[in-house]
Amino acid sequence: MTKRSRNMGLAIPSPEEDVAIDAGIAADPDTQALTAQDIARLQPLRRPGRPLAERPKVPMTMRVDADVLEAIKAGGPGWQTRVNQVLREAVRRGKLSA
């Protein structure tokens, strides 16, 4: 019976299942063993995650009046970006100190 890894949700085969898997691999004519040189040449298909931002954003929680939030969100997707632009412009104009 397989166990599930709690962290990754991966199925870990039992020793008996490992033997059956290895036998299936050995019987497959299309398989080939990777050498240490092959493994050293392996590279990920892509770099995971987003590229590092020049000015990373900081998550925050704040409370605003419901009608204000409704008006902001009425502009459609990207409302958080628009709020950031409004605040940045206020800082630029000296209305807020950074």
N, C-alpha and C. Protein backbone atom coordinates (compact mmCIF):
# COMPACT_ATOMS: atom_id res chain seq x y z
N MET A 1 0.85 -1.18 0.00
CA MET A 1 0.00 0.00 0.00
C MET A 1 0.90 1.25 0.00
N THR A 2 0.55 2.23 -0.80
CA THR A 2 1.36 3.45 -0.87
C THR A 2 1.02 4.38 0.27
N LYS A 3 2.02 5.17 0.67
CA LYS A 3 1.82 6.21 1.67
C LYS A 3 1.78 7.55 0.95
N ARG A 4 1.14 8.51 1.53
CA ARG A 4 1.12 9.85 0.96
C ARG A 4 2.02 10.76 1.78
N SER A 5 2.88 11.48 1.10
CA SER A 5 3.72 12.46 1.78
C SER A 5 2.83 13.63 2.19
N ARG A 6 2.90 14.04 3.42
CA ARG A 6 2.04 15.12 3.91
C ARG A 6 2.39 16.45 3.25
N ASN A 7 3.67 16.67 3.01
CA ASN A 7 4.10 17.97 2.47
C ASN A 7 3.75 18.16 1.01
N MET A 8 3.95 17.16 0.20
CA MET A 8 3.81 17.33 -1.24
C MET A 8 2.61 16.62 -1.83
N GLY A 9 1.93 15.77 -1.07
CA GLY A 9 0.83 15.02 -1.62
C GLY A 9 1.28 13.94 -2.59
N LEU A 10 2.54 13.52 -2.47
CA LEU A 10 3.08 12.51 -3.37
C LEU A 10 2.79 11.11 -2.84
N ALA A 11 2.56 10.18 -3.74
CA ALA A 11 2.36 8.78 -3.35
C ALA A 11 3.73 8.11 -3.28
N ILE A 12 4.08 7.56 -2.13
CA ILE A 12 5.35 6.88 -1.94
C ILE A 12 5.10 5.38 -2.06
N PRO A 13 5.73 4.72 -3.06
CA PRO A 13 5.45 3.30 -3.25
C PRO A 13 6.03 2.44 -2.13
N SER A 14 5.36 1.34 -1.88
CA SER A 14 5.85 0.37 -0.90
C SER A 14 7.04 -0.37 -1.52
N PRO A 15 7.82 -1.10 -0.71
CA PRO A 15 8.94 -1.87 -1.28
C PRO A 15 8.49 -2.85 -2.37
N GLU A 16 7.34 -3.48 -2.18
CA GLU A 16 6.84 -4.42 -3.19
C GLU A 16 6.51 -3.68 -4.49
N GLU A 17 5.89 -2.52 -4.36
CA GLU A 17 5.56 -1.73 -5.54
C GLU A 17 6.83 -1.25 -6.24
N ASP A 18 7.85 -0.91 -5.45
CA ASP A 18 9.13 -0.50 -6.03
C ASP A 18 9.73 -1.61 -6.89
N VAL A 19 9.66 -2.85 -6.40
CA VAL A 19 10.18 -3.99 -7.15
C VAL A 19 9.42 -4.14 -8.47
N ALA A 20 8.09 -4.02 -8.42
CA ALA A 20 7.27 -4.14 -9.63
C ALA A 20 7.57 -3.00 -10.60
N ILE A 21 7.76 -1.81 -10.09
CA ILE A 21 8.08 -0.65 -10.95
C ILE A 21 9.43 -0.87 -11.62
N ASP A 22 10.43 -1.28 -10.85
CA ASP A 22 11.77 -1.53 -11.40
C ASP A 22 11.74 -2.62 -12.46
N ALA A 23 10.94 -3.67 -12.24
CA ALA A 23 10.82 -4.74 -13.22
C ALA A 23 10.19 -4.21 -14.51
N GLY A 24 9.19 -3.37 -14.39
CA GLY A 24 8.55 -2.77 -15.57
C GLY A 24 9.52 -1.89 -16.33
N ILE A 25 10.31 -1.13 -15.61
CA ILE A 25 11.31 -0.26 -16.26
C ILE A 25 12.34 -1.11 -16.99
N ALA A 26 12.84 -2.18 -16.34
CA ALA A 26 13.84 -3.05 -16.95
C ALA A 26 13.30 -3.73 -18.20
N ALA A 27 12.00 -4.02 -18.24
CA ALA A 27 11.40 -4.70 -19.38
C ALA A 27 11.09 -3.75 -20.54
N ASP A 28 11.11 -2.46 -20.31
CA ASP A 28 10.77 -1.48 -21.34
C ASP A 28 11.99 -1.20 -22.23
N PRO A 29 11.91 -1.50 -23.52
CA PRO A 29 13.07 -1.29 -24.40
C PRO A 29 13.38 0.19 -24.66
N ASP A 30 12.44 1.07 -24.36
CA ASP A 30 12.66 2.49 -24.62
C ASP A 30 13.33 3.23 -23.46
N THR A 31 13.59 2.56 -22.35
CA THR A 31 14.20 3.24 -21.21
C THR A 31 15.71 3.18 -21.32
N GLN A 32 16.35 4.14 -20.69
CA GLN A 32 17.80 4.12 -20.60
C GLN A 32 18.20 4.77 -19.29
N ALA A 33 19.25 4.27 -18.71
CA ALA A 33 19.73 4.80 -17.44
C ALA A 33 20.49 6.10 -17.69
N LEU A 34 20.27 7.06 -16.81
CA LEU A 34 21.01 8.31 -16.91
C LEU A 34 22.36 8.15 -16.22
N THR A 35 23.39 8.62 -16.88
CA THR A 35 24.72 8.59 -16.27
C THR A 35 24.91 9.85 -15.44
N ALA A 36 25.96 9.89 -14.66
CA ALA A 36 26.26 11.09 -13.86
C ALA A 36 26.48 12.28 -14.78
N GLN A 37 27.08 12.04 -15.95
CA GLN A 37 27.30 13.14 -16.92
C GLN A 37 25.96 13.65 -17.45
N ASP A 38 25.02 12.73 -17.73
CA ASP A 38 23.69 13.15 -18.20
C ASP A 38 23.01 14.02 -17.16
N ILE A 39 23.07 13.58 -15.92
CA ILE A 39 22.40 14.31 -14.83
C ILE A 39 23.04 15.69 -14.65
N ALA A 40 24.37 15.77 -14.78
CA ALA A 40 25.05 17.06 -14.63
C ALA A 40 24.62 18.06 -15.71
N ARG A 41 24.24 17.55 -16.89
CA ARG A 41 23.83 18.43 -17.99
C ARG A 41 22.37 18.84 -17.92
N LEU A 42 21.59 18.20 -17.08
CA LEU A 42 20.15 18.51 -16.99
C LEU A 42 19.95 19.93 -16.47
N GLN A 43 18.98 20.60 -17.05
CA GLN A 43 18.63 21.95 -16.61
C GLN A 43 17.11 22.04 -16.55
N PRO A 44 16.58 22.86 -15.67
CA PRO A 44 15.12 23.01 -15.62
C PRO A 44 14.62 23.61 -16.94
N LEU A 45 13.37 23.26 -17.28
CA LEU A 45 12.79 23.80 -18.51
C LEU A 45 12.63 25.31 -18.43
N ARG A 46 12.32 25.80 -17.26
CA ARG A 46 12.20 27.24 -17.06
C ARG A 46 12.48 27.54 -15.60
N ARG A 47 12.79 28.76 -15.34
CA ARG A 47 13.00 29.18 -13.96
C ARG A 47 11.64 29.35 -13.30
N PRO A 48 11.40 28.69 -12.17
CA PRO A 48 10.08 28.78 -11.56
C PRO A 48 9.81 30.15 -10.96
N GLY A 49 8.56 30.53 -10.98
CA GLY A 49 8.14 31.77 -10.34
C GLY A 49 8.31 32.99 -11.22
N ARG A 50 7.87 34.09 -10.70
CA ARG A 50 7.98 35.36 -11.42
C ARG A 50 9.39 35.90 -11.29
N PRO A 51 9.79 36.74 -12.25
CA PRO A 51 11.11 37.38 -12.10
C PRO A 51 11.09 38.33 -10.90
N LEU A 52 12.24 38.56 -10.31
CA LEU A 52 12.33 39.46 -9.17
C LEU A 52 11.98 40.88 -9.60
N ALA A 53 11.14 41.53 -8.82
CA ALA A 53 10.71 42.90 -9.11
C ALA A 53 11.78 43.89 -8.67
N GLU A 54 11.90 44.97 -9.43
CA GLU A 54 12.84 46.02 -9.06
C GLU A 54 12.43 46.65 -7.73
N ARG A 55 11.12 46.89 -7.59
CA ARG A 55 10.56 47.40 -6.33
C ARG A 55 9.47 46.43 -5.92
N PRO A 56 9.80 45.43 -5.12
CA PRO A 56 8.79 44.43 -4.75
C PRO A 56 7.64 45.06 -3.96
N LYS A 57 6.45 44.56 -4.20
CA LYS A 57 5.26 45.04 -3.48
C LYS A 57 5.21 44.38 -2.10
N VAL A 58 4.58 45.06 -1.19
CA VAL A 58 4.45 44.58 0.18
C VAL A 58 2.97 44.35 0.46
N PRO A 59 2.60 43.15 0.90
CA PRO A 59 1.19 42.92 1.20
C PRO A 59 0.76 43.73 2.41
N MET A 60 -0.49 44.18 2.40
CA MET A 60 -1.01 44.96 3.52
C MET A 60 -2.50 44.69 3.68
N THR A 61 -2.99 45.00 4.84
CA THR A 61 -4.42 44.91 5.11
C THR A 61 -4.86 46.27 5.60
N MET A 62 -5.95 46.77 5.04
CA MET A 62 -6.48 48.05 5.51
C MET A 62 -7.99 48.03 5.39
N ARG A 63 -8.63 48.89 6.13
CA ARG A 63 -10.09 48.96 6.11
C ARG A 63 -10.50 50.27 5.46
N VAL A 64 -11.46 50.19 4.55
CA VAL A 64 -12.01 51.38 3.90
C VAL A 64 -13.53 51.28 3.93
N ASP A 65 -14.17 52.40 3.70
CA ASP A 65 -15.63 52.40 3.65
C ASP A 65 -16.10 51.54 2.47
N ALA A 66 -17.23 50.88 2.67
CA ALA A 66 -17.75 49.97 1.65
C ALA A 66 -18.02 50.68 0.34
N ASP A 67 -18.55 51.92 0.39
CA ASP A 67 -18.85 52.63 -0.86
C ASP A 67 -17.58 53.02 -1.60
N VAL A 68 -16.50 53.29 -0.87
CA VAL A 68 -15.22 53.61 -1.51
C VAL A 68 -14.69 52.38 -2.23
N LEU A 69 -14.70 51.24 -1.56
CA LEU A 69 -14.22 50.00 -2.17
C LEU A 69 -15.07 49.63 -3.39
N GLU A 70 -16.37 49.82 -3.27
CA GLU A 70 -17.26 49.50 -4.39
C GLU A 70 -16.93 50.38 -5.60
N ALA A 71 -16.67 51.65 -5.36
CA ALA A 71 -16.34 52.56 -6.46
C ALA A 71 -15.01 52.16 -7.11
N ILE A 72 -14.05 51.78 -6.29
CA ILE A 72 -12.74 51.38 -6.82
C ILE A 72 -12.88 50.12 -7.67
N LYS A 73 -13.59 49.12 -7.14
CA LYS A 73 -13.73 47.85 -7.84
C LYS A 73 -14.62 47.96 -9.08
N ALA A 74 -15.46 49.01 -9.14
CA ALA A 74 -16.35 49.17 -10.29
C ALA A 74 -15.55 49.38 -11.58
N GLY A 75 -14.31 49.80 -11.46
CA GLY A 75 -13.47 50.00 -12.63
C GLY A 75 -13.01 48.69 -13.26
N GLY A 76 -13.32 47.57 -12.62
CA GLY A 76 -12.97 46.27 -13.18
C GLY A 76 -11.66 45.74 -12.64
N PRO A 77 -11.17 44.68 -13.28
CA PRO A 77 -9.92 44.06 -12.83
C PRO A 77 -8.77 45.07 -12.84
N GLY A 78 -7.83 44.86 -11.94
CA GLY A 78 -6.69 45.76 -11.83
C GLY A 78 -6.90 46.88 -10.85
N TRP A 79 -7.94 46.75 -10.03
CA TRP A 79 -8.25 47.85 -9.11
C TRP A 79 -7.13 48.08 -8.10
N GLN A 80 -6.45 47.02 -7.66
CA GLN A 80 -5.36 47.21 -6.69
C GLN A 80 -4.20 47.98 -7.33
N THR A 81 -3.94 47.71 -8.59
CA THR A 81 -2.89 48.45 -9.31
C THR A 81 -3.27 49.91 -9.42
N ARG A 82 -4.55 50.17 -9.72
CA ARG A 82 -5.00 51.57 -9.82
C ARG A 82 -4.89 52.29 -8.48
N VAL A 83 -5.23 51.62 -7.40
CA VAL A 83 -5.10 52.23 -6.06
C VAL A 83 -3.62 52.56 -5.81
N ASN A 84 -2.73 51.64 -6.16
CA ASN A 84 -1.30 51.87 -5.99
C ASN A 84 -0.85 53.10 -6.79
N GLN A 85 -1.37 53.23 -8.03
CA GLN A 85 -1.00 54.38 -8.86
C GLN A 85 -1.49 55.69 -8.25
N VAL A 86 -2.70 55.68 -7.70
CA VAL A 86 -3.24 56.90 -7.07
C VAL A 86 -2.38 57.27 -5.86
N LEU A 87 -2.03 56.29 -5.05
CA LEU A 87 -1.19 56.58 -3.87
C LEU A 87 0.20 57.03 -4.29
N ARG A 88 0.76 56.41 -5.33
CA ARG A 88 2.09 56.82 -5.80
C ARG A 88 2.07 58.26 -6.29
N GLU A 89 1.02 58.62 -7.02
CA GLU A 89 0.90 59.99 -7.51
C GLU A 89 0.75 60.98 -6.35
N ALA A 90 0.02 60.60 -5.30
CA ALA A 90 -0.11 61.47 -4.12
C ALA A 90 1.24 61.67 -3.45
N VAL A 91 2.03 60.62 -3.38
CA VAL A 91 3.38 60.73 -2.80
C VAL A 91 4.24 61.64 -3.68
N ARG A 92 4.16 61.45 -5.00
CA ARG A 92 4.96 62.25 -5.93
C ARG A 92 4.64 63.74 -5.81
N ARG A 93 3.36 64.05 -5.65
CA ARG A 93 2.93 65.45 -5.54
C ARG A 93 3.16 66.05 -4.16
N GLY A 94 3.60 65.24 -3.22
CA GLY A 94 3.86 65.75 -1.87
C GLY A 94 2.63 65.73 -0.98
N LYS A 95 1.55 65.13 -1.44
CA LYS A 95 0.33 65.03 -0.63
C LYS A 95 0.53 64.05 0.51
N LEU A 96 1.37 63.05 0.28
CA LEU A 96 1.73 62.05 1.30
C LEU A 96 3.25 62.00 1.36
N SER A 97 3.77 61.75 2.54
CA SER A 97 5.23 61.61 2.61
C SER A 97 5.57 60.13 2.57
N ALA A 98 6.60 59.82 1.81
CA ALA A 98 7.00 58.41 1.63
C ALA A 98 7.85 57.95 2.79
